[in-house]
Amino acid sequence: MREVRVLCILCSLFFTLISCGGAKEIKKEEIFDPEKHLAKADKLVGEREYEEARKLLLEVKNRDTAKKHAPQAQLKLADSYIREGDIEIGIEEYKRFLDLYPDNQYASYAQYQIAMAYYSQIESPDRGSGAAQKALHEFIRLKELYPRNPYREVMGIRVEKAKNVIADGEFMVGEFYYKKESYDAAIERLEGLLKRFPDYKKADNALLLLGRSYKAIKMNDKAKEAFNKLIEKYPASKLAPAAKKEAEKLK
């Protein structure tokens, strides 16, 4: 009887060891597959499960010692924040990508996405001008760092829009100072505007206001110069007759 009990105990231990060993074998077979992680992260982002997607992307970044898939994971991480609407965090993640992988084949994409993240905010009443400034800076940086980037055609239209938003903001500030009779401040803004954006769509308006600002502080020569420039450069402008009258009064 005693021998039977001992035999039973031994058998029980034997099967326990086998089952434990089997579990270990199963764990050993769980191979990390970064491509599957990336594909699953894409699916989760599509389902708006952003946090779960980021867990997988961070795991790829941390475990991909060969750095074959880590750059892609970093890009997808940045993309996920933009998709979710966290623009500032997305921008920082794109910048981190460029710091880590400046020569990567997708570096121009990351730089373009930074510019577009700012560009997406230029319609905002409180951020418009500031966002346009940043977008323009990043578009210029894209052109300088990656002259053969694939976004050259669409970028031209967006650069022009950013410039117009900035120029509109400067003109509004100049007009505000003029109405407040802060003529020196108005002159500084309008001169800067015309120098930086000589092809501004409202350059005739800016020149007329500039001339009137100079006239208000008795700088008649500078006033005439602004009025005459408007007449010569924009003869078809509806403001040209007013500029001509203003200039004639200064003779």
C-alpha atoms as a PDB file:
ATOM      1  CA  MET A   1       0.000   0.000   0.000  1.00  0.00           C
ATOM      2  CA  ARG A   2       2.816   2.292   0.906  1.00  0.00           C
ATOM      3  CA  GLU A   3       4.551   1.519  -2.377  1.00  0.00           C
ATOM      4  CA  VAL A   4       1.380   2.363  -4.268  1.00  0.00           C
ATOM      5  CA  ARG A   5       1.170   5.763  -2.553  1.00  0.00           C
ATOM      6  CA  VAL A   6       4.782   6.535  -3.333  1.00  0.00           C
ATOM      7  CA  LEU A   7       4.217   5.542  -6.933  1.00  0.00           C
ATOM      8  CA  CYS A   8       1.180   7.831  -7.150  1.00  0.00           C
ATOM      9  CA  ILE A   9       3.120  10.755  -5.710  1.00  0.00           C
ATOM     10  CA  LEU A  10       5.965  10.195  -8.157  1.00  0.00           C
ATOM     11  CA  CYS A  11       3.549  10.021 -11.074  1.00  0.00           C
ATOM     12  CA  SER A  12       1.874  13.221  -9.915  1.00  0.00           C
ATOM     13  CA  LEU A  13       5.212  15.020  -9.706  1.00  0.00           C
ATOM     14  CA  PHE A  14       6.176  13.673 -13.107  1.00  0.00           C
ATOM     15  CA  PHE A  15       3.044  14.999 -14.791  1.00  0.00           C
ATOM     16  CA  THR A  16       3.368  18.333 -12.962  1.00  0.00           C
ATOM     17  CA  LEU A  17       6.910  18.749 -14.267  1.00  0.00           C
ATOM     18  CA  ILE A  18       5.782  17.841 -17.767  1.00  0.00           C
ATOM     19  CA  SER A  19       2.951  20.372 -17.663  1.00  0.00           C
ATOM     20  CA  CYS A  20       5.296  23.092 -16.379  1.00  0.00           C
ATOM     21  CA  GLY A  21       7.855  22.234 -18.998  1.00  0.00           C
ATOM     22  CA  GLY A  22       5.169  22.362 -21.647  1.00  0.00           C
ATOM     23  CA  ALA A  23       4.150  25.846 -20.554  1.00  0.00           C
ATOM     24  CA  LYS A  24       7.740  26.967 -20.815  1.00  0.00           C
ATOM     25  CA  GLU A  25       7.978  25.476 -24.280  1.00  0.00           C
ATOM     26  CA  ILE A  26       4.870  27.439 -25.336  1.00  0.00           C
ATOM     27  CA  LYS A  27       6.395  30.651 -24.008  1.00  0.00           C
ATOM     28  CA  LYS A  28       9.586  30.024 -25.948  1.00  0.00           C
ATOM     29  CA  GLU A  29       7.549  29.730 -29.122  1.00  0.00           C
ATOM     30  CA  GLU A  30       6.012  33.215 -28.638  1.00  0.00           C
ATOM     31  CA  ILE A  31       8.264  35.056 -31.088  1.00  0.00           C
ATOM     32  CA  PHE A  32       8.142  38.853 -31.261  1.00  0.00           C
ATOM     33  CA  ASP A  33       6.900  39.890 -34.708  1.00  0.00           C
ATOM     34  CA  PRO A  34       7.257  43.675 -35.251  1.00  0.00           C
ATOM     35  CA  GLU A  35       5.446  43.606 -38.581  1.00  0.00           C
ATOM     36  CA  LYS A  36       2.368  42.038 -36.979  1.00  0.00           C
ATOM     37  CA  HIS A  37       2.544  44.625 -34.200  1.00  0.00           C
ATOM     38  CA  LEU A  38       2.667  47.452 -36.738  1.00  0.00           C
ATOM     39  CA  ALA A  39      -0.236  46.016 -38.725  1.00  0.00           C
ATOM     40  CA  LYS A  40      -2.308  45.565 -35.570  1.00  0.00           C
ATOM     41  CA  ALA A  41      -1.466  49.135 -34.495  1.00  0.00           C
ATOM     42  CA  ASP A  42      -2.732  50.411 -37.859  1.00  0.00           C
ATOM     43  CA  LYS A  43      -5.974  48.527 -37.332  1.00  0.00           C
ATOM     44  CA  LEU A  44      -6.389  49.962 -33.838  1.00  0.00           C
ATOM     45  CA  VAL A  45      -5.760  53.509 -35.044  1.00  0.00           C
ATOM     46  CA  GLY A  46      -8.411  52.970 -37.709  1.00  0.00           C
ATOM     47  CA  GLU A  47     -10.773  51.934 -34.909  1.00  0.00           C
ATOM     48  CA  ARG A  48      -9.737  55.018 -32.865  1.00  0.00           C
ATOM     49  CA  GLU A  49      -8.162  52.827 -30.202  1.00  0.00           C
ATOM     50  CA  TYR A  50      -5.186  55.171 -30.030  1.00  0.00           C
ATOM     51  CA  GLU A  51      -3.802  54.230 -26.620  1.00  0.00           C
ATOM     52  CA  GLU A  52      -3.816  50.515 -27.401  1.00  0.00           C
ATOM     53  CA  ALA A  53      -2.137  51.198 -30.733  1.00  0.00           C
ATOM     54  CA  ARG A  54       0.586  53.243 -29.036  1.00  0.00           C
ATOM     55  CA  LYS A  55       1.342  50.430 -26.608  1.00  0.00           C
ATOM     56  CA  LEU A  56       2.168  48.185 -29.554  1.00  0.00           C
ATOM     57  CA  LEU A  57       4.186  50.892 -31.298  1.00  0.00           C
ATOM     58  CA  LEU A  58       6.218  51.598 -28.169  1.00  0.00           C
ATOM     59  CA  GLU A  59       6.870  47.880 -27.789  1.00  0.00           C
ATOM     60  CA  VAL A  60       8.222  47.762 -31.346  1.00  0.00           C
ATOM     61  CA  LYS A  61      10.460  50.764 -30.614  1.00  0.00           C
ATOM     62  CA  ASN A  62      11.791  49.223 -27.398  1.00  0.00           C
ATOM     63  CA  ARG A  63      12.295  45.664 -28.651  1.00  0.00           C
ATOM     64  CA  ASP A  64      13.528  46.303 -32.186  1.00  0.00           C
ATOM     65  CA  THR A  65      17.242  46.252 -31.380  1.00  0.00           C
ATOM     66  CA  ALA A  66      18.166  46.135 -35.071  1.00  0.00           C
ATOM     67  CA  LYS A  67      16.263  49.436 -35.606  1.00  0.00           C
ATOM     68  CA  LYS A  68      14.689  48.024 -38.755  1.00  0.00           C
ATOM     69  CA  HIS A  69      11.105  48.750 -37.709  1.00  0.00           C
ATOM     70  CA  ALA A  70      11.629  51.320 -34.940  1.00  0.00           C
ATOM     71  CA  PRO A  71      11.640  54.329 -37.335  1.00  0.00           C
ATOM     72  CA  GLN A  72       8.321  53.220 -38.800  1.00  0.00           C
ATOM     73  CA  ALA A  73       6.898  52.771 -35.302  1.00  0.00           C
ATOM     74  CA  GLN A  74       8.003  56.294 -34.353  1.00  0.00           C
ATOM     75  CA  LEU A  75       6.307  57.750 -37.438  1.00  0.00           C
ATOM     76  CA  LYS A  76       3.102  55.854 -36.776  1.00  0.00           C
ATOM     77  CA  LEU A  77       3.212  57.081 -33.186  1.00  0.00           C
ATOM     78  CA  ALA A  78       3.326  60.698 -34.412  1.00  0.00           C
ATOM     79  CA  ASP A  79       0.587  60.010 -36.966  1.00  0.00           C
ATOM     80  CA  SER A  80      -1.656  58.594 -34.238  1.00  0.00           C
ATOM     81  CA  TYR A  81      -1.516  61.826 -32.235  1.00  0.00           C
ATOM     82  CA  ILE A  82      -2.368  63.905 -35.314  1.00  0.00           C
ATOM     83  CA  ARG A  83      -5.279  61.574 -36.105  1.00  0.00           C
ATOM     84  CA  GLU A  84      -6.536  61.964 -32.540  1.00  0.00           C
ATOM     85  CA  GLY A  85      -6.250  65.765 -32.708  1.00  0.00           C
ATOM     86  CA  ASP A  86      -3.285  66.184 -30.336  1.00  0.00           C
ATOM     87  CA  ILE A  87      -1.431  68.456 -32.746  1.00  0.00           C
ATOM     88  CA  GLU A  88       1.324  69.667 -30.417  1.00  0.00           C
ATOM     89  CA  ILE A  89       2.248  66.168 -29.226  1.00  0.00           C
ATOM     90  CA  GLY A  90       2.182  64.935 -32.830  1.00  0.00           C
ATOM     91  CA  ILE A  91       4.594  67.692 -33.868  1.00  0.00           C
ATOM     92  CA  GLU A  92       6.970  66.775 -31.032  1.00  0.00           C
ATOM     93  CA  GLU A  93       6.899  63.114 -32.076  1.00  0.00           C
ATOM     94  CA  TYR A  94       7.724  64.015 -35.692  1.00  0.00           C
ATOM     95  CA  LYS A  95      10.592  66.160 -34.432  1.00  0.00           C
ATOM     96  CA  ARG A  96      11.799  63.229 -32.323  1.00  0.00           C
ATOM     97  CA  PHE A  97      11.763  61.081 -35.455  1.00  0.00           C
ATOM     98  CA  LEU A  98      13.919  63.646 -37.287  1.00  0.00           C
ATOM     99  CA  ASP A  99      16.333  63.831 -34.359  1.00  0.00           C
ATOM    100  CA  LEU A 100      16.682  60.052 -34.254  1.00  0.00           C
ATOM    101  CA  TYR A 101      16.602  59.293 -37.982  1.00  0.00           C
ATOM    102  CA  PRO A 102      17.558  62.455 -39.952  1.00  0.00           C
ATOM    103  CA  ASP A 103      18.652  60.448 -43.003  1.00  0.00           C
ATOM    104  CA  ASN A 104      15.719  58.071 -43.084  1.00  0.00           C
ATOM    105  CA  GLN A 105      13.825  57.742 -46.364  1.00  0.00           C
ATOM    106  CA  TYR A 106      10.718  59.139 -44.650  1.00  0.00           C
ATOM    107  CA  ALA A 107      12.417  62.192 -43.150  1.00  0.00           C
ATOM    108  CA  SER A 108      10.845  64.514 -45.729  1.00  0.00           C
ATOM    109  CA  TYR A 109       7.432  63.059 -44.840  1.00  0.00           C
ATOM    110  CA  ALA A 110       7.974  63.870 -41.157  1.00  0.00           C
ATOM    111  CA  GLN A 111       9.072  67.421 -41.981  1.00  0.00           C
ATOM    112  CA  TYR A 112       6.068  67.903 -44.271  1.00  0.00           C
ATOM    113  CA  GLN A 113       3.729  66.649 -41.562  1.00  0.00           C
ATOM    114  CA  ILE A 114       5.157  69.187 -39.104  1.00  0.00           C
ATOM    115  CA  ALA A 115       4.459  71.983 -41.590  1.00  0.00           C
ATOM    116  CA  MET A 116       0.965  70.653 -42.299  1.00  0.00           C
ATOM    117  CA  ALA A 117       0.170  70.347 -38.580  1.00  0.00           C
ATOM    118  CA  TYR A 118       0.766  74.085 -38.193  1.00  0.00           C
ATOM    119  CA  TYR A 119      -0.943  74.811 -41.515  1.00  0.00           C
ATOM    120  CA  SER A 120      -4.101  73.060 -40.299  1.00  0.00           C
ATOM    121  CA  GLN A 121      -4.423  75.722 -37.584  1.00  0.00           C
ATOM    122  CA  ILE A 122      -4.204  78.868 -39.724  1.00  0.00           C
ATOM    123  CA  GLU A 123      -7.987  79.262 -39.951  1.00  0.00           C
ATOM    124  CA  SER A 124      -8.185  79.545 -36.169  1.00  0.00           C
ATOM    125  CA  PRO A 125      -9.034  83.133 -35.088  1.00  0.00           C
ATOM    126  CA  ASP A 126      -6.655  83.045 -32.118  1.00  0.00           C
ATOM    127  CA  ARG A 127      -3.823  81.057 -33.722  1.00  0.00           C
ATOM    128  CA  GLY A 128      -4.080  81.979 -37.395  1.00  0.00           C
ATOM    129  CA  SER A 129      -1.173  84.355 -37.857  1.00  0.00           C
ATOM    130  CA  GLY A 130       1.144  82.567 -35.432  1.00  0.00           C
ATOM    131  CA  ALA A 131       0.381  79.170 -36.948  1.00  0.00           C
ATOM    132  CA  ALA A 132       0.936  80.578 -40.443  1.00  0.00           C
ATOM    133  CA  GLN A 133       4.348  81.902 -39.379  1.00  0.00           C
ATOM    134  CA  LYS A 134       5.336  78.471 -38.079  1.00  0.00           C
ATOM    135  CA  ALA A 135       3.919  76.665 -41.115  1.00  0.00           C
ATOM    136  CA  LEU A 136       5.844  78.933 -43.485  1.00  0.00           C
ATOM    137  CA  HIS A 137       9.053  78.367 -41.512  1.00  0.00           C
ATOM    138  CA  GLU A 138       8.602  74.588 -41.671  1.00  0.00           C
ATOM    139  CA  PHE A 139       7.729  74.601 -45.388  1.00  0.00           C
ATOM    140  CA  ILE A 140      10.894  76.598 -46.091  1.00  0.00           C
ATOM    141  CA  ARG A 141      12.861  74.142 -43.954  1.00  0.00           C
ATOM    142  CA  LEU A 142      11.386  71.250 -45.942  1.00  0.00           C
ATOM    143  CA  LYS A 143      12.498  72.872 -49.197  1.00  0.00           C
ATOM    144  CA  GLU A 144      15.993  73.561 -47.898  1.00  0.00           C
ATOM    145  CA  LEU A 145      16.634  70.190 -46.259  1.00  0.00           C
ATOM    146  CA  TYR A 146      14.872  67.997 -48.814  1.00  0.00           C
ATOM    147  CA  PRO A 147      14.842  69.869 -52.152  1.00  0.00           C
ATOM    148  CA  ARG A 148      13.681  66.771 -54.037  1.00  0.00           C
ATOM    149  CA  ASN A 149      10.792  66.055 -51.664  1.00  0.00           C
ATOM    150  CA  PRO A 150       7.585  64.670 -53.254  1.00  0.00           C
ATOM    151  CA  TYR A 151       5.415  67.513 -51.926  1.00  0.00           C
ATOM    152  CA  ARG A 152       6.828  70.320 -54.062  1.00  0.00           C
ATOM    153  CA  GLU A 153       3.719  70.838 -56.215  1.00  0.00           C
ATOM    154  CA  VAL A 154       1.130  71.065 -53.444  1.00  0.00           C
ATOM    155  CA  MET A 155       3.498  72.973 -51.184  1.00  0.00           C
ATOM    156  CA  GLY A 156       3.535  76.079 -53.414  1.00  0.00           C
ATOM    157  CA  ILE A 157      -0.181  76.775 -52.925  1.00  0.00           C
ATOM    158  CA  ARG A 158       0.068  76.280 -49.177  1.00  0.00           C
ATOM    159  CA  VAL A 159       3.109  78.520 -48.859  1.00  0.00           C
ATOM    160  CA  GLU A 160       1.224  81.304 -50.639  1.00  0.00           C
ATOM    161  CA  LYS A 161      -1.783  80.894 -48.380  1.00  0.00           C
ATOM    162  CA  ALA A 162       0.421  81.015 -45.279  1.00  0.00           C
ATOM    163  CA  LYS A 163       2.089  84.181 -46.577  1.00  0.00           C
ATOM    164  CA  ASN A 164      -1.292  85.831 -47.196  1.00  0.00           C
ATOM    165  CA  VAL A 165      -2.504  84.969 -43.696  1.00  0.00           C
ATOM    166  CA  ILE A 166       0.650  86.467 -42.167  1.00  0.00           C
ATOM    167  CA  ALA A 167       0.430  89.552 -44.364  1.00  0.00           C
ATOM    168  CA  ASP A 168      -3.271  90.026 -43.578  1.00  0.00           C
ATOM    169  CA  GLY A 169      -2.420  89.907 -39.890  1.00  0.00           C
ATOM    170  CA  GLU A 170       0.318  92.503 -40.293  1.00  0.00           C
ATOM    171  CA  PHE A 171      -1.968  94.762 -42.303  1.00  0.00           C
ATOM    172  CA  MET A 172      -4.705  94.540 -39.660  1.00  0.00           C
ATOM    173  CA  VAL A 173      -2.222  95.508 -36.957  1.00  0.00           C
ATOM    174  CA  GLY A 174      -0.940  98.427 -39.072  1.00  0.00           C
ATOM    175  CA  GLU A 175      -4.491  99.600 -39.699  1.00  0.00           C
ATOM    176  CA  PHE A 176      -5.262  99.331 -35.989  1.00  0.00           C
ATOM    177  CA  TYR A 177      -2.283 101.533 -35.099  1.00  0.00           C
ATOM    178  CA  TYR A 178      -3.260 104.049 -37.792  1.00  0.00           C
ATOM    179  CA  LYS A 179      -6.782 104.356 -36.411  1.00  0.00           C
ATOM    180  CA  LYS A 180      -5.346 104.828 -32.931  1.00  0.00           C
ATOM    181  CA  GLU A 181      -3.141 107.591 -34.369  1.00  0.00           C
ATOM    182  CA  SER A 182      -0.028 105.639 -33.397  1.00  0.00           C
ATOM    183  CA  TYR A 183       1.529 106.543 -36.723  1.00  0.00           C
ATOM    184  CA  ASP A 184       5.113 105.465 -36.001  1.00  0.00           C
ATOM    185  CA  ALA A 185       3.912 101.994 -35.034  1.00  0.00           C
ATOM    186  CA  ALA A 186       1.684 101.859 -38.137  1.00  0.00           C
ATOM    187  CA  ILE A 187       4.620 102.838 -40.368  1.00  0.00           C
ATOM    188  CA  GLU A 188       6.846 100.155 -38.857  1.00  0.00           C
ATOM    189  CA  ARG A 189       4.247  97.447 -39.476  1.00  0.00           C
ATOM    190  CA  LEU A 190       3.353  98.547 -42.999  1.00  0.00           C
ATOM    191  CA  GLU A 191       6.951  99.029 -44.108  1.00  0.00           C
ATOM    192  CA  GLY A 192       7.816  95.579 -42.754  1.00  0.00           C
ATOM    193  CA  LEU A 193       4.821  94.062 -44.497  1.00  0.00           C
ATOM    194  CA  LEU A 194       5.668  95.539 -47.896  1.00  0.00           C
ATOM    195  CA  LYS A 195       9.318  94.607 -47.597  1.00  0.00           C
ATOM    196  CA  ARG A 196       8.627  91.020 -46.603  1.00  0.00           C
ATOM    197  CA  PHE A 197       5.675  90.447 -48.944  1.00  0.00           C
ATOM    198  CA  PRO A 198       6.090  92.779 -51.952  1.00  0.00           C
ATOM    199  CA  ASP A 199       3.429  90.859 -53.899  1.00  0.00           C
ATOM    200  CA  TYR A 200       0.827  91.070 -51.142  1.00  0.00           C
ATOM    201  CA  LYS A 201      -2.712  91.068 -52.566  1.00  0.00           C
ATOM    202  CA  LYS A 202      -3.604  94.244 -50.638  1.00  0.00           C
ATOM    203  CA  ALA A 203      -0.328  96.052 -51.241  1.00  0.00           C
ATOM    204  CA  ASP A 204      -2.222  99.032 -52.678  1.00  0.00           C
ATOM    205  CA  ASN A 205      -4.182  99.383 -49.438  1.00  0.00           C
ATOM    206  CA  ALA A 206      -0.961  99.122 -47.433  1.00  0.00           C
ATOM    207  CA  LEU A 207       0.724 101.808 -49.549  1.00  0.00           C
ATOM    208  CA  LEU A 208      -2.183 104.228 -49.173  1.00  0.00           C
ATOM    209  CA  LEU A 209      -2.237 103.736 -45.418  1.00  0.00           C
ATOM    210  CA  LEU A 210       1.547 104.080 -45.273  1.00  0.00           C
ATOM    211  CA  GLY A 211       1.413 107.359 -47.200  1.00  0.00           C
ATOM    212  CA  ARG A 212      -1.269 108.737 -44.909  1.00  0.00           C
ATOM    213  CA  SER A 213       0.719 107.692 -41.834  1.00  0.00           C
ATOM    214  CA  TYR A 214       3.808 109.540 -43.085  1.00  0.00           C
ATOM    215  CA  LYS A 215       1.652 112.542 -43.959  1.00  0.00           C
ATOM    216  CA  ALA A 216       0.209 112.615 -40.419  1.00  0.00           C
ATOM    217  CA  ILE A 217       3.696 113.032 -38.918  1.00  0.00           C
ATOM    218  CA  LYS A 218       4.710 115.636 -41.536  1.00  0.00           C
ATOM    219  CA  MET A 219       7.117 113.372 -43.414  1.00  0.00           C
ATOM    220  CA  ASN A 220       5.787 114.576 -46.743  1.00  0.00           C
ATOM    221  CA  ASP A 221       8.581 113.232 -48.948  1.00  0.00           C
ATOM    222  CA  LYS A 222       8.062 109.695 -47.629  1.00  0.00           C
ATOM    223  CA  ALA A 223       4.300 110.149 -47.967  1.00  0.00           C
ATOM    224  CA  LYS A 224       4.613 111.188 -51.637  1.00  0.00           C
ATOM    225  CA  GLU A 225       6.920 108.256 -52.257  1.00  0.00           C
ATOM    226  CA  ALA A 226       4.289 105.814 -50.955  1.00  0.00           C
ATOM    227  CA  PHE A 227       1.439 107.469 -52.910  1.00  0.00           C
ATOM    228  CA  ASN A 228       3.448 107.561 -56.147  1.00  0.00           C
ATOM    229  CA  LYS A 229       4.483 103.943 -55.753  1.00  0.00           C
ATOM    230  CA  LEU A 230       0.831 102.959 -55.476  1.00  0.00           C
ATOM    231  CA  ILE A 231      -0.051 104.957 -58.636  1.00  0.00           C
ATOM    232  CA  GLU A 232       2.863 103.526 -60.649  1.00  0.00           C
ATOM    233  CA  LYS A 233       2.670  99.937 -59.496  1.00  0.00           C
ATOM    234  CA  TYR A 234      -1.126  99.596 -59.329  1.00  0.00           C
ATOM    235  CA  PRO A 235      -2.592 102.048 -61.880  1.00  0.00           C
ATOM    236  CA  ALA A 236      -5.791  99.981 -62.189  1.00  0.00           C
ATOM    237  CA  SER A 237      -6.409  99.956 -58.451  1.00  0.00           C
ATOM    238  CA  LYS A 238      -9.547 101.683 -57.230  1.00  0.00           C
ATOM    239  CA  LEU A 239      -7.290 103.399 -54.700  1.00  0.00           C
ATOM    240  CA  ALA A 240      -5.056 104.993 -57.348  1.00  0.00           C
ATOM    241  CA  PRO A 241      -7.249 108.150 -57.729  1.00  0.00           C
ATOM    242  CA  ALA A 242      -7.214 108.704 -53.953  1.00  0.00           C
ATOM    243  CA  ALA A 243      -3.432 108.304 -53.893  1.00  0.00           C
ATOM    244  CA  LYS A 244      -3.110 110.801 -56.758  1.00  0.00           C
ATOM    245  CA  LYS A 245      -5.190 113.402 -54.873  1.00  0.00           C
ATOM    246  CA  GLU A 246      -3.158 112.854 -51.712  1.00  0.00           C
ATOM    247  CA  ALA A 247       0.105 113.288 -53.616  1.00  0.00           C
ATOM    248  CA  GLU A 248      -1.084 116.493 -55.341  1.00  0.00           C
ATOM    249  CA  LYS A 249      -1.948 118.070 -51.975  1.00  0.00           C
ATOM    250  CA  LEU A 250       1.655 117.626 -50.898  1.00  0.00           C
ATOM    251  CA  LYS A 251       3.135 119.656 -53.776  1.00  0.00           C
END
